[in-house]
Amino acid sequence: MKTATVADLRNHFRRISAWIEDGEPVAIIKRGKLFARLVPAATKDRGKKVDFRAQRKLIWGRRVFSLKEVEALNQTEVEGEEG
């Protein structure tokens, strides 16, 4: 568990909130004694990361696109946004 003082919490909130967002509980110290504990809110998806490589492999397999195919895909996306 990481620790921070009340002054740290006030002056460095971004850093401390990043710890909490990463799932790390933080002990808050006031005048040398434990004052409070900040813990991440419980959610079902906490810690679940997307494996983009696995998704890409699942969708496309080992297929390698030519430059012409990539340009056609990009053009299709651009046309879809306008329409």
PDB file of N, CA and C in Angstrom:
ATOM      1  N   MET A   1       0.856  -1.173   0.000  1.00  0.00           N
ATOM      2  CA  MET A   1       0.000   0.000   0.000  1.00  0.00           C
ATOM      3  C   MET A   1       0.898   1.232   0.000  1.00  0.00           C
ATOM      4  N   LYS A   2       0.604   2.157  -0.896  1.00  0.00           N
ATOM      5  CA  LYS A   2       1.378   3.398  -0.947  1.00  0.00           C
ATOM      6  C   LYS A   2       0.860   4.357   0.121  1.00  0.00           C
ATOM      7  N   THR A   3       1.713   5.294   0.516  1.00  0.00           N
ATOM      8  CA  THR A   3       1.317   6.275   1.526  1.00  0.00           C
ATOM      9  C   THR A   3       1.515   7.683   0.988  1.00  0.00           C
ATOM     10  N   ALA A   4       0.708   8.591   1.511  1.00  0.00           N
ATOM     11  CA  ALA A   4       0.810  10.008   1.174  1.00  0.00           C
ATOM     12  C   ALA A   4       0.334  10.808   2.375  1.00  0.00           C
ATOM     13  N   THR A   5       0.893  11.984   2.536  1.00  0.00           N
ATOM     14  CA  THR A   5       0.439  12.862   3.620  1.00  0.00           C
ATOM     15  C   THR A   5      -0.748  13.682   3.120  1.00  0.00           C
ATOM     16  N   VAL A   6      -1.403  14.349   4.059  1.00  0.00           N
ATOM     17  CA  VAL A   6      -2.511  15.228   3.689  1.00  0.00           C
ATOM     18  C   VAL A   6      -1.997  16.319   2.748  1.00  0.00           C
ATOM     19  N   ALA A   7      -0.799  16.832   3.015  1.00  0.00           N
ATOM     20  CA  ALA A   7      -0.215  17.856   2.148  1.00  0.00           C
ATOM     21  C   ALA A   7       0.062  17.293   0.748  1.00  0.00           C
ATOM     22  N   ASP A   8       0.544  16.042   0.677  1.00  0.00           N
ATOM     23  CA  ASP A   8       0.758  15.406  -0.620  1.00  0.00           C
ATOM     24  C   ASP A   8      -0.557  15.293  -1.387  1.00  0.00           C
ATOM     25  N   LEU A   9      -1.593  14.922  -0.683  1.00  0.00           N
ATOM     26  CA  LEU A   9      -2.903  14.784  -1.308  1.00  0.00           C
ATOM     27  C   LEU A   9      -3.352  16.113  -1.899  1.00  0.00           C
ATOM     28  N   ARG A  10      -3.117  17.183  -1.176  1.00  0.00           N
ATOM     29  CA  ARG A  10      -3.502  18.508  -1.642  1.00  0.00           C
ATOM     30  C   ARG A  10      -2.620  18.978  -2.801  1.00  0.00           C
ATOM     31  N   ASN A  11      -1.314  18.753  -2.681  1.00  0.00           N
ATOM     32  CA  ASN A  11      -0.372  19.305  -3.659  1.00  0.00           C
ATOM     33  C   ASN A  11      -0.085  18.397  -4.852  1.00  0.00           C
ATOM     34  N   HIS A  12      -0.331  17.110  -4.705  1.00  0.00           N
ATOM     35  CA  HIS A  12       0.007  16.158  -5.775  1.00  0.00           C
ATOM     36  C   HIS A  12      -1.157  15.221  -6.064  1.00  0.00           C
ATOM     37  N   PHE A  13      -2.348  15.772  -6.122  1.00  0.00           N
ATOM     38  CA  PHE A  13      -3.537  14.938  -6.270  1.00  0.00           C
ATOM     39  C   PHE A  13      -3.512  14.108  -7.548  1.00  0.00           C
ATOM     40  N   ARG A  14      -3.024  14.666  -8.661  1.00  0.00           N
ATOM     41  CA  ARG A  14      -2.989  13.908  -9.916  1.00  0.00           C
ATOM     42  C   ARG A  14      -2.196  12.620  -9.781  1.00  0.00           C
ATOM     43  N   ARG A  15      -1.038  12.716  -9.181  1.00  0.00           N
ATOM     44  CA  ARG A  15      -0.186  11.539  -9.023  1.00  0.00           C
ATOM     45  C   ARG A  15      -0.858  10.503  -8.130  1.00  0.00           C
ATOM     46  N   ILE A  16      -1.436  10.948  -7.027  1.00  0.00           N
ATOM     47  CA  ILE A  16      -2.072  10.032  -6.093  1.00  0.00           C
ATOM     48  C   ILE A  16      -3.332   9.415  -6.694  1.00  0.00           C
ATOM     49  N   SER A  17      -4.099  10.210  -7.423  1.00  0.00           N
ATOM     50  CA  SER A  17      -5.297   9.657  -8.054  1.00  0.00           C
ATOM     51  C   SER A  17      -4.925   8.649  -9.143  1.00  0.00           C
ATOM     52  N   ALA A  18      -3.781   8.831  -9.793  1.00  0.00           N
ATOM     53  CA  ALA A  18      -3.319   7.852 -10.788  1.00  0.00           C
ATOM     54  C   ALA A  18      -3.019   6.515 -10.114  1.00  0.00           C
ATOM     55  N   TRP A  19      -2.433   6.560  -8.918  1.00  0.00           N
ATOM     56  CA  TRP A  19      -2.185   5.325  -8.172  1.00  0.00           C
ATOM     57  C   TRP A  19      -3.500   4.596  -7.923  1.00  0.00           C
ATOM     58  N   ILE A  20      -4.509   5.363  -7.486  1.00  0.00           N
ATOM     59  CA  ILE A  20      -5.803   4.761  -7.168  1.00  0.00           C
ATOM     60  C   ILE A  20      -6.444   4.200  -8.427  1.00  0.00           C
ATOM     61  N   GLU A  21      -6.356   4.934  -9.541  1.00  0.00           N
ATOM     62  CA  GLU A  21      -6.916   4.437 -10.800  1.00  0.00           C
ATOM     63  C   GLU A  21      -6.242   3.152 -11.249  1.00  0.00           C
ATOM     64  N   ASP A  22      -4.965   2.982 -10.910  1.00  0.00           N
ATOM     65  CA  ASP A  22      -4.238   1.762 -11.254  1.00  0.00           C
ATOM     66  C   ASP A  22      -4.552   0.614 -10.294  1.00  0.00           C
ATOM     67  N   GLY A  23      -5.439   0.854  -9.332  1.00  0.00           N
ATOM     68  CA  GLY A  23      -5.864  -0.203  -8.418  1.00  0.00           C
ATOM     69  C   GLY A  23      -5.102  -0.254  -7.114  1.00  0.00           C
ATOM     70  N   GLU A  24      -4.266   0.723  -6.865  1.00  0.00           N
ATOM     71  CA  GLU A  24      -3.427   0.742  -5.662  1.00  0.00           C
ATOM     72  C   GLU A  24      -4.133   1.497  -4.536  1.00  0.00           C
ATOM     73  N   PRO A  25      -4.340   0.881  -3.372  1.00  0.00           N
ATOM     74  CA  PRO A  25      -4.877   1.637  -2.239  1.00  0.00           C
ATOM     75  C   PRO A  25      -3.807   2.580  -1.685  1.00  0.00           C
ATOM     76  N   VAL A  26      -4.236   3.704  -1.136  1.00  0.00           N
ATOM     77  CA  VAL A  26      -3.306   4.711  -0.618  1.00  0.00           C
ATOM     78  C   VAL A  26      -3.682   5.027   0.826  1.00  0.00           C
ATOM     79  N   ALA A  27      -2.677   4.931   1.717  1.00  0.00           N
ATOM     80  CA  ALA A  27      -2.868   5.304   3.118  1.00  0.00           C
ATOM     81  C   ALA A  27      -2.542   6.787   3.251  1.00  0.00           C
ATOM     82  N   ILE A  28      -3.440   7.549   3.874  1.00  0.00           N
ATOM     83  CA  ILE A  28      -3.243   8.982   4.079  1.00  0.00           C
ATOM     84  C   ILE A  28      -2.768   9.194   5.515  1.00  0.00           C
ATOM     85  N   ILE A  29      -1.626   9.869   5.641  1.00  0.00           N
ATOM     86  CA  ILE A  29      -1.007  10.110   6.941  1.00  0.00           C
ATOM     87  C   ILE A  29      -1.221  11.573   7.332  1.00  0.00           C
ATOM     88  N   LYS A  30      -1.676  11.783   8.581  1.00  0.00           N
ATOM     89  CA  LYS A  30      -1.868  13.133   9.115  1.00  0.00           C
ATOM     90  C   LYS A  30      -1.153  13.208  10.454  1.00  0.00           C
ATOM     91  N   ARG A  31      -0.196  14.128  10.546  1.00  0.00           N
ATOM     92  CA  ARG A  31       0.602  14.302  11.762  1.00  0.00           C
ATOM     93  C   ARG A  31       1.265  12.994  12.209  1.00  0.00           C
ATOM     94  N   GLY A  32       1.752  12.244  11.222  1.00  0.00           N
ATOM     95  CA  GLY A  32       2.490  11.019  11.515  1.00  0.00           C
ATOM     96  C   GLY A  32       1.655   9.792  11.815  1.00  0.00           C
ATOM     97  N   LYS A  33       0.317   9.924  11.787  1.00  0.00           N
ATOM     98  CA  LYS A  33      -0.560   8.788  12.082  1.00  0.00           C
ATOM     99  C   LYS A  33      -1.488   8.519  10.905  1.00  0.00           C
ATOM    100  N   LEU A  34      -1.863   7.251  10.780  1.00  0.00           N
ATOM    101  CA  LEU A  34      -2.805   6.875   9.726  1.00  0.00           C
ATOM    102  C   LEU A  34      -4.120   7.620   9.930  1.00  0.00           C
ATOM    103  N   PHE A  35      -4.552   8.337   8.910  1.00  0.00           N
ATOM    104  CA  PHE A  35      -5.758   9.149   8.979  1.00  0.00           C
ATOM    105  C   PHE A  35      -6.893   8.514   8.185  1.00  0.00           C
ATOM    106  N   ALA A  36      -6.558   8.011   6.995  1.00  0.00           N
ATOM    107  CA  ALA A  36      -7.591   7.437   6.131  1.00  0.00           C
ATOM    108  C   ALA A  36      -6.942   6.519   5.110  1.00  0.00           C
ATOM    109  N   ARG A  37      -7.784   5.724   4.457  1.00  0.00           N
ATOM    110  CA  ARG A  37      -7.335   4.895   3.344  1.00  0.00           C
ATOM    111  C   ARG A  37      -8.217   5.196   2.148  1.00  0.00           C
ATOM    112  N   LEU A  38      -7.578   5.454   1.030  1.00  0.00           N
ATOM    113  CA  LEU A  38      -8.311   5.646  -0.223  1.00  0.00           C
ATOM    114  C   LEU A  38      -8.136   4.386  -1.057  1.00  0.00           C
ATOM    115  N   VAL A  39      -9.250   3.792  -1.444  1.00  0.00           N
ATOM    116  CA  VAL A  39      -9.198   2.562  -2.235  1.00  0.00           C
ATOM    117  C   VAL A  39      -9.994   2.763  -3.511  1.00  0.00           C
ATOM    118  N   PRO A  40      -9.637   2.064  -4.573  1.00  0.00           N
ATOM    119  CA  PRO A  40     -10.376   2.196  -5.828  1.00  0.00           C
ATOM    120  C   PRO A  40     -11.810   1.712  -5.663  1.00  0.00           C
ATOM    121  N   ALA A  41     -12.710   2.350  -6.390  1.00  0.00           N
ATOM    122  CA  ALA A  41     -14.100   1.901  -6.396  1.00  0.00           C
ATOM    123  C   ALA A  41     -14.167   0.540  -7.070  1.00  0.00           C
ATOM    124  N   ALA A  42     -14.993  -0.341  -6.558  1.00  0.00           N
ATOM    125  CA  ALA A  42     -15.108  -1.690  -7.118  1.00  0.00           C
ATOM    126  C   ALA A  42     -15.943  -1.650  -8.397  1.00  0.00           C
ATOM    127  N   THR A  43     -15.361  -2.168  -9.454  1.00  0.00           N
ATOM    128  CA  THR A  43     -16.096  -2.322 -10.710  1.00  0.00           C
ATOM    129  C   THR A  43     -15.804  -3.695 -11.272  1.00  0.00           C
ATOM    130  N   LYS A  44     -16.687  -4.198 -12.105  1.00  0.00           N
ATOM    131  CA  LYS A  44     -16.504  -5.516 -12.680  1.00  0.00           C
ATOM    132  C   LYS A  44     -15.321  -5.553 -13.632  1.00  0.00           C
ATOM    133  N   ASP A  45     -15.093  -4.472 -14.385  1.00  0.00           N
ATOM    134  CA  ASP A  45     -14.091  -4.465 -15.430  1.00  0.00           C
ATOM    135  C   ASP A  45     -12.708  -4.023 -14.955  1.00  0.00           C
ATOM    136  N   ARG A  46     -12.525  -3.736 -13.687  1.00  0.00           N
ATOM    137  CA  ARG A  46     -11.244  -3.232 -13.200  1.00  0.00           C
ATOM    138  C   ARG A  46     -10.146  -4.240 -13.492  1.00  0.00           C
ATOM    139  N   GLY A  47      -9.081  -3.741 -14.066  1.00  0.00           N
ATOM    140  CA  GLY A  47      -7.935  -4.580 -14.345  1.00  0.00           C
ATOM    141  C   GLY A  47      -8.024  -5.373 -15.635  1.00  0.00           C
ATOM    142  N   LYS A  48      -9.164  -5.361 -16.287  1.00  0.00           N
ATOM    143  CA  LYS A  48      -9.319  -6.101 -17.529  1.00  0.00           C
ATOM    144  C   LYS A  48      -8.757  -5.250 -18.664  1.00  0.00           C
ATOM    145  N   LYS A  49      -7.717  -5.762 -19.306  1.00  0.00           N
ATOM    146  CA  LYS A  49      -7.088  -5.024 -20.389  1.00  0.00           C
ATOM    147  C   LYS A  49      -7.395  -5.692 -21.718  1.00  0.00           C
ATOM    148  N   VAL A  50      -7.476  -4.882 -22.748  1.00  0.00           N
ATOM    149  CA  VAL A  50      -7.788  -5.390 -24.069  1.00  0.00           C
ATOM    150  C   VAL A  50      -6.504  -5.864 -24.739  1.00  0.00           C
ATOM    151  N   ASP A  51      -6.526  -7.065 -25.271  1.00  0.00           N
ATOM    152  CA  ASP A  51      -5.387  -7.612 -26.000  1.00  0.00           C
ATOM    153  C   ASP A  51      -5.651  -7.385 -27.494  1.00  0.00           C
ATOM    154  N   PHE A  52      -5.148  -6.249 -28.003  1.00  0.00           N
ATOM    155  CA  PHE A  52      -5.421  -5.874 -29.377  1.00  0.00           C
ATOM    156  C   PHE A  52      -4.776  -6.839 -30.374  1.00  0.00           C
ATOM    157  N   ARG A  53      -3.612  -7.346 -30.043  1.00  0.00           N
ATOM    158  CA  ARG A  53      -2.961  -8.323 -30.937  1.00  0.00           C
ATOM    159  C   ARG A  53      -3.817  -9.563 -31.105  1.00  0.00           C
ATOM    160  N   ALA A  54      -4.353 -10.063 -30.005  1.00  0.00           N
ATOM    161  CA  ALA A  54      -5.192 -11.259 -30.064  1.00  0.00           C
ATOM    162  C   ALA A  54      -6.459 -10.993 -30.866  1.00  0.00           C
ATOM    163  N   GLN A  55      -7.051  -9.805 -30.680  1.00  0.00           N
ATOM    164  CA  GLN A  55      -8.249  -9.469 -31.455  1.00  0.00           C
ATOM    165  C   GLN A  55      -7.945  -9.378 -32.937  1.00  0.00           C
ATOM    166  N   ARG A  56      -6.822  -8.713 -33.262  1.00  0.00           N
ATOM    167  CA  ARG A  56      -6.446  -8.586 -34.669  1.00  0.00           C
ATOM    168  C   ARG A  56      -6.206  -9.964 -35.284  1.00  0.00           C
ATOM    169  N   LYS A  57      -5.534 -10.835 -34.561  1.00  0.00           N
ATOM    170  CA  LYS A  57      -5.262 -12.178 -35.061  1.00  0.00           C
ATOM    171  C   LYS A  57      -6.555 -12.960 -35.239  1.00  0.00           C
ATOM    172  N   LEU A  58      -7.486 -12.795 -34.315  1.00  0.00           N
ATOM    173  CA  LEU A  58      -8.772 -13.471 -34.403  1.00  0.00           C
ATOM    174  C   LEU A  58      -9.546 -13.016 -35.637  1.00  0.00           C
ATOM    175  N   ILE A  59      -9.511 -11.717 -35.921  1.00  0.00           N
ATOM    176  CA  ILE A  59     -10.259 -11.170 -37.057  1.00  0.00           C
ATOM    177  C   ILE A  59      -9.575 -11.456 -38.382  1.00  0.00           C
ATOM    178  N   TRP A  60      -8.274 -11.175 -38.478  1.00  0.00           N
ATOM    179  CA  TRP A  60      -7.581 -11.230 -39.762  1.00  0.00           C
ATOM    180  C   TRP A  60      -6.673 -12.435 -39.926  1.00  0.00           C
ATOM    181  N   GLY A  61      -6.405 -13.172 -38.868  1.00  0.00           N
ATOM    182  CA  GLY A  61      -5.504 -14.320 -38.976  1.00  0.00           C
ATOM    183  C   GLY A  61      -4.096 -13.851 -39.314  1.00  0.00           C
ATOM    184  N   ARG A  62      -3.473 -14.504 -40.286  1.00  0.00           N
ATOM    185  CA  ARG A  62      -2.117 -14.152 -40.690  1.00  0.00           C
ATOM    186  C   ARG A  62      -2.098 -13.322 -41.969  1.00  0.00           C
ATOM    187  N   ARG A  63      -3.236 -12.839 -42.374  1.00  0.00           N
ATOM    188  CA  ARG A  63      -3.328 -12.110 -43.632  1.00  0.00           C
ATOM    189  C   ARG A  63      -2.489 -10.828 -43.597  1.00  0.00           C
ATOM    190  N   VAL A  64      -1.780 -10.576 -44.684  1.00  0.00           N
ATOM    191  CA  VAL A  64      -0.989  -9.357 -44.845  1.00  0.00           C
ATOM    192  C   VAL A  64      -1.609  -8.579 -45.998  1.00  0.00           C
ATOM    193  N   PHE A  65      -1.967  -7.328 -45.751  1.00  0.00           N
ATOM    194  CA  PHE A  65      -2.618  -6.512 -46.763  1.00  0.00           C
ATOM    195  C   PHE A  65      -1.591  -5.800 -47.634  1.00  0.00           C
ATOM    196  N   SER A  66      -1.917  -5.688 -48.901  1.00  0.00           N
ATOM    197  CA  SER A  66      -1.071  -4.903 -49.804  1.00  0.00           C
ATOM    198  C   SER A  66      -1.396  -3.425 -49.603  1.00  0.00           C
ATOM    199  N   LEU A  67      -0.525  -2.563 -50.103  1.00  0.00           N
ATOM    200  CA  LEU A  67      -0.742  -1.128 -49.995  1.00  0.00           C
ATOM    201  C   LEU A  67      -2.037  -0.727 -50.677  1.00  0.00           C
ATOM    202  N   LYS A  68      -2.331  -1.350 -51.789  1.00  0.00           N
ATOM    203  CA  LYS A  68      -3.564  -1.047 -52.536  1.00  0.00           C
ATOM    204  C   LYS A  68      -4.807  -1.392 -51.696  1.00  0.00           C
ATOM    205  N   GLU A  69      -4.774  -2.533 -51.001  1.00  0.00           N
ATOM    206  CA  GLU A  69      -5.897  -2.934 -50.158  1.00  0.00           C
ATOM    207  C   GLU A  69      -6.073  -1.974 -48.974  1.00  0.00           C
ATOM    208  N   VAL A  70      -4.974  -1.555 -48.375  1.00  0.00           N
ATOM    209  CA  VAL A  70      -5.043  -0.619 -47.246  1.00  0.00           C
ATOM    210  C   VAL A  70      -5.632   0.710 -47.699  1.00  0.00           C
ATOM    211  N   GLU A  71      -5.205   1.207 -48.845  1.00  0.00           N
ATOM    212  CA  GLU A  71      -5.756   2.464 -49.371  1.00  0.00           C
ATOM    213  C   GLU A  71      -7.246   2.324 -49.657  1.00  0.00           C
ATOM    214  N   ALA A  72      -7.673   1.179 -50.184  1.00  0.00           N
ATOM    215  CA  ALA A  72      -9.097   0.952 -50.450  1.00  0.00           C
ATOM    216  C   ALA A  72      -9.891   0.933 -49.145  1.00  0.00           C
ATOM    217  N   LEU A  73      -9.344   0.290 -48.102  1.00  0.00           N
ATOM    218  CA  LEU A  73     -10.034   0.268 -46.805  1.00  0.00           C
ATOM    219  C   LEU A  73     -10.153   1.678 -46.230  1.00  0.00           C
ATOM    220  N   ASN A  74      -9.060   2.451 -46.314  1.00  0.00           N
ATOM    221  CA  ASN A  74      -9.088   3.830 -45.819  1.00  0.00           C
ATOM    222  C   ASN A  74     -10.099   4.666 -46.582  1.00  0.00           C
ATOM    223  N   GLN A  75     -10.154   4.509 -47.887  1.00  0.00           N
ATOM    224  CA  GLN A  75     -11.093   5.267 -48.707  1.00  0.00           C
ATOM    225  C   GLN A  75     -12.540   4.917 -48.347  1.00  0.00           C
ATOM    226  N   THR A  76     -12.794   3.632 -48.095  1.00  0.00           N
ATOM    227  CA  THR A  76     -14.136   3.202 -47.705  1.00  0.00           C
ATOM    228  C   THR A  76     -14.539   3.839 -46.381  1.00  0.00           C
ATOM    229  N   GLU A  77     -13.603   3.927 -45.426  1.00  0.00           N
ATOM    230  CA  GLU A  77     -13.900   4.563 -44.140  1.00  0.00           C
ATOM    231  C   GLU A  77     -14.221   6.039 -44.318  1.00  0.00           C
ATOM    232  N   VAL A  78     -13.453   6.721 -45.136  1.00  0.00           N
ATOM    233  CA  VAL A  78     -13.673   8.158 -45.362  1.00  0.00           C
ATOM    234  C   VAL A  78     -15.029   8.382 -46.023  1.00  0.00           C
ATOM    235  N   GLU A  79     -15.357   7.578 -46.997  1.00  0.00           N
ATOM    236  CA  GLU A  79     -16.658   7.719 -47.677  1.00  0.00           C
ATOM    237  C   GLU A  79     -17.797   7.440 -46.717  1.00  0.00           C
ATOM    238  N   GLY A  80     -17.643   6.480 -45.829  1.00  0.00           N
ATOM    239  CA  GLY A  80     -18.675   6.162 -44.852  1.00  0.00           C
ATOM    240  C   GLY A  80     -18.923   7.294 -43.877  1.00  0.00           C
ATOM    241  N   GLU A  81     -17.901   8.087 -43.555  1.00  0.00           N
ATOM    242  CA  GLU A  81     -18.058   9.203 -42.635  1.00  0.00           C
ATOM    243  C   GLU A  81     -18.839  10.352 -43.269  1.00  0.00           C
ATOM    244  N   GLU A  82     -18.665  10.538 -44.558  1.00  0.00           N
ATOM    245  CA  GLU A  82     -19.355  11.639 -45.238  1.00  0.00           C
ATOM    246  C   GLU A  82     -20.821  11.310 -45.489  1.00  0.00           C
ATOM    247  N   GLY A  83     -21.114  10.060 -45.714  1.00  0.00           N
ATOM    248  CA  GLY A  83     -22.455   9.653 -46.119  1.00  0.00           C
ATOM    249  C   GLY A  83     -23.300   9.427 -44.967  1.00  0.00           C
TER     250      GLY A  83
END
